[in-house]
Amino acid sequence: MSLSYLHQLALLHDLLSEQQSSFEGEVSEYQQIKRLVKSMIANGQLNDDQLIELLPEIYHYSVEGESVQNIEEHIQSNTQQLHNWISAIEQVKD
């Protein structure tokens, strides 16, 4: 069973928000973020230009997160981007 577009957005939002607030993340979360972003790009239902431009950045963030030595540092160095991505998702969700 695949997730609907809105459920994918909600899940992506939740994963990124949790990382931003806790400065913690698991490799499995980064892998899930990658799968969500790939699916959202592939399904073509996204019609928000800002978010379309941000998805490759989120994908790159998750790729890096899978292999970093210090996840907390990775999240801290991407705090502003996380804020921007979360805000963009919130605008599309609402």
N, C-alpha and C. Protein backbone atom coordinates (compact mmCIF):
# COMPACT_ATOMS: atom_id res chain seq x y z
N MET A 1 0.85 -1.18 0.00
CA MET A 1 0.00 0.00 0.00
C MET A 1 0.89 1.24 0.00
N SER A 2 0.65 2.12 -0.91
CA SER A 2 1.44 3.34 -0.98
C SER A 2 0.72 4.47 -0.25
N LEU A 3 1.51 5.41 0.22
CA LEU A 3 0.96 6.56 0.92
C LEU A 3 0.44 7.59 -0.08
N SER A 4 -0.63 8.26 0.27
CA SER A 4 -1.12 9.33 -0.57
C SER A 4 -0.13 10.49 -0.52
N TYR A 5 -0.25 11.36 -1.46
CA TYR A 5 0.61 12.54 -1.56
C TYR A 5 0.59 13.35 -0.26
N LEU A 6 -0.59 13.57 0.29
CA LEU A 6 -0.69 14.36 1.52
C LEU A 6 -0.10 13.62 2.72
N HIS A 7 -0.24 12.30 2.75
CA HIS A 7 0.37 11.53 3.82
C HIS A 7 1.89 11.55 3.70
N GLN A 8 2.39 11.52 2.47
CA GLN A 8 3.84 11.61 2.26
C GLN A 8 4.36 12.96 2.78
N LEU A 9 3.65 14.02 2.46
CA LEU A 9 4.06 15.35 2.94
C LEU A 9 4.04 15.41 4.46
N ALA A 10 3.00 14.86 5.06
CA ALA A 10 2.89 14.88 6.52
C ALA A 10 4.02 14.08 7.16
N LEU A 11 4.33 12.93 6.59
CA LEU A 11 5.41 12.11 7.13
C LEU A 11 6.76 12.79 6.97
N LEU A 12 6.99 13.38 5.82
CA LEU A 12 8.24 14.10 5.59
C LEU A 12 8.37 15.26 6.59
N HIS A 13 7.29 15.98 6.77
CA HIS A 13 7.26 17.09 7.73
C HIS A 13 7.59 16.59 9.13
N ASP A 14 6.97 15.49 9.54
CA ASP A 14 7.19 14.96 10.88
C ASP A 14 8.64 14.52 11.08
N LEU A 15 9.20 13.84 10.10
CA LEU A 15 10.59 13.37 10.21
C LEU A 15 11.56 14.55 10.33
N LEU A 16 11.39 15.53 9.46
CA LEU A 16 12.29 16.69 9.49
C LEU A 16 12.11 17.51 10.77
N SER A 17 10.87 17.68 11.20
CA SER A 17 10.59 18.44 12.42
C SER A 17 11.19 17.76 13.64
N GLU A 18 11.07 16.46 13.70
CA GLU A 18 11.63 15.71 14.84
C GLU A 18 13.15 15.86 14.87
N GLN A 19 13.78 15.75 13.72
CA GLN A 19 15.24 15.92 13.68
C GLN A 19 15.63 17.33 14.10
N GLN A 20 14.90 18.31 13.62
CA GLN A 20 15.21 19.69 13.95
C GLN A 20 15.07 19.95 15.45
N SER A 21 14.05 19.41 16.06
CA SER A 21 13.81 19.71 17.47
C SER A 21 14.68 18.89 18.41
N SER A 22 15.04 17.67 18.02
CA SER A 22 15.79 16.79 18.92
C SER A 22 17.28 16.73 18.61
N PHE A 23 17.68 17.20 17.44
CA PHE A 23 19.07 17.09 16.97
C PHE A 23 19.53 15.63 17.00
N GLU A 24 18.60 14.73 16.73
CA GLU A 24 18.89 13.31 16.65
C GLU A 24 18.25 12.75 15.39
N GLY A 25 18.85 11.69 14.89
CA GLY A 25 18.30 11.02 13.72
C GLY A 25 18.93 9.66 13.57
N GLU A 26 18.21 8.76 12.96
CA GLU A 26 18.69 7.41 12.71
C GLU A 26 18.93 7.24 11.22
N VAL A 27 19.82 6.34 10.88
CA VAL A 27 20.08 6.05 9.47
C VAL A 27 18.77 5.66 8.78
N SER A 28 17.95 4.89 9.46
CA SER A 28 16.68 4.46 8.86
C SER A 28 15.77 5.65 8.56
N GLU A 29 15.83 6.72 9.36
CA GLU A 29 15.04 7.91 9.09
C GLU A 29 15.53 8.60 7.82
N TYR A 30 16.84 8.69 7.68
CA TYR A 30 17.39 9.30 6.47
C TYR A 30 17.02 8.48 5.23
N GLN A 31 17.03 7.17 5.38
CA GLN A 31 16.63 6.31 4.26
C GLN A 31 15.16 6.51 3.93
N GLN A 32 14.34 6.67 4.95
CA GLN A 32 12.92 6.90 4.72
C GLN A 32 12.69 8.26 4.05
N ILE A 33 13.42 9.27 4.47
CA ILE A 33 13.32 10.59 3.84
C ILE A 33 13.68 10.47 2.36
N LYS A 34 14.75 9.76 2.07
CA LYS A 34 15.16 9.56 0.67
C LYS A 34 14.04 8.91 -0.14
N ARG A 35 13.46 7.85 0.40
CA ARG A 35 12.39 7.14 -0.32
C ARG A 35 11.18 8.05 -0.54
N LEU A 36 10.82 8.82 0.48
CA LEU A 36 9.69 9.74 0.35
C LEU A 36 9.94 10.77 -0.74
N VAL A 37 11.12 11.38 -0.71
CA VAL A 37 11.44 12.42 -1.70
C VAL A 37 11.45 11.83 -3.11
N LYS A 38 12.07 10.67 -3.27
CA LYS A 38 12.10 10.02 -4.60
C LYS A 38 10.69 9.75 -5.10
N SER A 39 9.85 9.25 -4.21
CA SER A 39 8.47 8.94 -4.57
C SER A 39 7.70 10.20 -4.94
N MET A 40 7.89 11.27 -4.17
CA MET A 40 7.17 12.52 -4.45
C MET A 40 7.61 13.12 -5.78
N ILE A 41 8.88 13.01 -6.09
CA ILE A 41 9.36 13.52 -7.37
C ILE A 41 8.81 12.67 -8.50
N ALA A 42 8.81 11.35 -8.32
CA ALA A 42 8.39 10.43 -9.37
C ALA A 42 6.90 10.49 -9.66
N ASN A 43 6.08 10.70 -8.62
CA ASN A 43 4.63 10.64 -8.86
C ASN A 43 4.08 11.88 -9.55
N GLY A 44 4.83 12.97 -9.54
CA GLY A 44 4.43 14.15 -10.30
C GLY A 44 3.21 14.89 -9.81
N GLN A 45 2.73 14.58 -8.61
CA GLN A 45 1.54 15.27 -8.10
C GLN A 45 1.86 16.59 -7.44
N LEU A 46 3.12 16.83 -7.20
CA LEU A 46 3.53 18.06 -6.54
C LEU A 46 3.42 19.22 -7.52
N ASN A 47 2.71 20.26 -7.11
CA ASN A 47 2.54 21.41 -7.99
C ASN A 47 3.01 22.72 -7.36
N ASP A 48 3.76 22.60 -6.28
CA ASP A 48 4.32 23.77 -5.63
C ASP A 48 5.76 23.94 -6.09
N ASP A 49 6.02 25.02 -6.84
CA ASP A 49 7.35 25.22 -7.42
C ASP A 49 8.45 25.30 -6.38
N GLN A 50 8.17 25.98 -5.27
CA GLN A 50 9.19 26.12 -4.23
C GLN A 50 9.58 24.74 -3.67
N LEU A 51 8.59 23.93 -3.37
CA LEU A 51 8.87 22.61 -2.82
C LEU A 51 9.54 21.71 -3.85
N ILE A 52 9.16 21.83 -5.09
CA ILE A 52 9.80 21.05 -6.16
C ILE A 52 11.29 21.37 -6.21
N GLU A 53 11.64 22.62 -6.03
CA GLU A 53 13.05 23.02 -6.02
C GLU A 53 13.77 22.54 -4.77
N LEU A 54 13.06 22.42 -3.65
CA LEU A 54 13.67 22.03 -2.39
C LEU A 54 13.86 20.53 -2.24
N LEU A 55 13.07 19.73 -2.92
CA LEU A 55 13.15 18.28 -2.75
C LEU A 55 14.55 17.72 -3.03
N PRO A 56 15.24 18.16 -4.08
CA PRO A 56 16.61 17.64 -4.28
C PRO A 56 17.55 18.01 -3.12
N GLU A 57 17.35 19.17 -2.51
CA GLU A 57 18.16 19.55 -1.35
C GLU A 57 17.88 18.62 -0.17
N ILE A 58 16.61 18.31 0.04
CA ILE A 58 16.23 17.41 1.13
C ILE A 58 16.81 16.03 0.87
N TYR A 59 16.77 15.61 -0.38
CA TYR A 59 17.35 14.31 -0.75
C TYR A 59 18.85 14.29 -0.44
N HIS A 60 19.55 15.32 -0.83
CA HIS A 60 20.99 15.41 -0.59
C HIS A 60 21.29 15.40 0.92
N TYR A 61 20.49 16.12 1.69
CA TYR A 61 20.62 16.13 3.15
C TYR A 61 20.49 14.71 3.71
N SER A 62 19.54 13.95 3.19
CA SER A 62 19.33 12.59 3.70
C SER A 62 20.46 11.66 3.28
N VAL A 63 20.98 11.84 2.07
CA VAL A 63 22.12 11.03 1.62
C VAL A 63 23.32 11.27 2.54
N GLU A 64 23.59 12.54 2.82
CA GLU A 64 24.69 12.86 3.73
C GLU A 64 24.44 12.31 5.13
N GLY A 65 23.21 12.39 5.58
CA GLY A 65 22.87 11.94 6.92
C GLY A 65 23.07 10.45 7.13
N GLU A 66 22.96 9.69 6.06
CA GLU A 66 23.16 8.25 6.16
C GLU A 66 24.59 7.88 6.55
N SER A 67 25.54 8.73 6.18
CA SER A 67 26.94 8.34 6.34
C SER A 67 27.77 9.26 7.23
N VAL A 68 27.17 10.27 7.81
CA VAL A 68 27.96 11.18 8.65
C VAL A 68 28.37 10.49 9.94
N GLN A 69 29.47 10.94 10.49
CA GLN A 69 29.95 10.41 11.77
C GLN A 69 29.20 11.02 12.94
N ASN A 70 28.83 12.29 12.81
CA ASN A 70 28.18 12.99 13.91
C ASN A 70 26.84 13.54 13.42
N ILE A 71 25.77 12.83 13.72
CA ILE A 71 24.44 13.22 13.24
C ILE A 71 24.00 14.55 13.84
N GLU A 72 24.29 14.75 15.12
CA GLU A 72 23.90 16.01 15.76
C GLU A 72 24.54 17.20 15.05
N GLU A 73 25.81 17.09 14.71
CA GLU A 73 26.50 18.16 14.00
C GLU A 73 25.91 18.36 12.60
N HIS A 74 25.56 17.26 11.94
CA HIS A 74 24.95 17.34 10.61
C HIS A 74 23.63 18.11 10.68
N ILE A 75 22.82 17.80 11.67
CA ILE A 75 21.53 18.48 11.82
C ILE A 75 21.74 19.94 12.17
N GLN A 76 22.66 20.22 13.09
CA GLN A 76 22.93 21.61 13.48
C GLN A 76 23.42 22.43 12.30
N SER A 77 24.26 21.85 11.46
CA SER A 77 24.78 22.60 10.32
C SER A 77 23.72 22.82 9.25
N ASN A 78 22.60 22.11 9.35
CA ASN A 78 21.51 22.26 8.38
C ASN A 78 20.25 22.85 9.02
N THR A 79 20.40 23.49 10.18
CA THR A 79 19.24 23.99 10.92
C THR A 79 18.42 24.98 10.09
N GLN A 80 19.06 25.91 9.43
CA GLN A 80 18.31 26.90 8.65
C GLN A 80 17.60 26.24 7.47
N GLN A 81 18.26 25.30 6.82
CA GLN A 81 17.62 24.59 5.71
C GLN A 81 16.43 23.78 6.21
N LEU A 82 16.59 23.10 7.34
CA LEU A 82 15.47 22.35 7.91
C LEU A 82 14.28 23.27 8.17
N HIS A 83 14.55 24.43 8.74
CA HIS A 83 13.48 25.40 8.98
C HIS A 83 12.79 25.79 7.67
N ASN A 84 13.57 26.07 6.64
CA ASN A 84 13.01 26.45 5.35
C ASN A 84 12.18 25.32 4.74
N TRP A 85 12.70 24.10 4.80
CA TRP A 85 11.99 22.96 4.23
C TRP A 85 10.68 22.70 4.97
N ILE A 86 10.73 22.76 6.28
CA ILE A 86 9.53 22.52 7.09
C ILE A 86 8.48 23.59 6.80
N SER A 87 8.91 24.84 6.70
CA SER A 87 7.97 25.94 6.38
C SER A 87 7.35 25.74 5.00
N ALA A 88 8.14 25.34 4.03
CA ALA A 88 7.63 25.12 2.68
C ALA A 88 6.60 23.99 2.67
N ILE A 89 6.88 22.93 3.41
CA ILE A 89 5.93 21.81 3.48
C ILE A 89 4.65 22.25 4.16
N GLU A 90 4.76 23.02 5.22
CA GLU A 90 3.58 23.50 5.93
C GLU A 90 2.68 24.34 5.02
N GLN A 91 3.29 25.16 4.16
CA GLN A 91 2.49 25.98 3.24
C GLN A 91 1.74 25.13 2.24
N VAL A 92 2.33 24.03 1.81
CA VAL A 92 1.67 23.16 0.84
C VAL A 92 0.58 22.33 1.52
N LYS A 93 0.85 21.88 2.75
CA LYS A 93 -0.11 21.05 3.48
C LYS A 93 -1.38 21.80 3.84
N ASP A 94 -1.26 23.08 4.15
CA ASP A 94 -2.40 23.85 4.65
C ASP A 94 -3.32 24.34 3.56
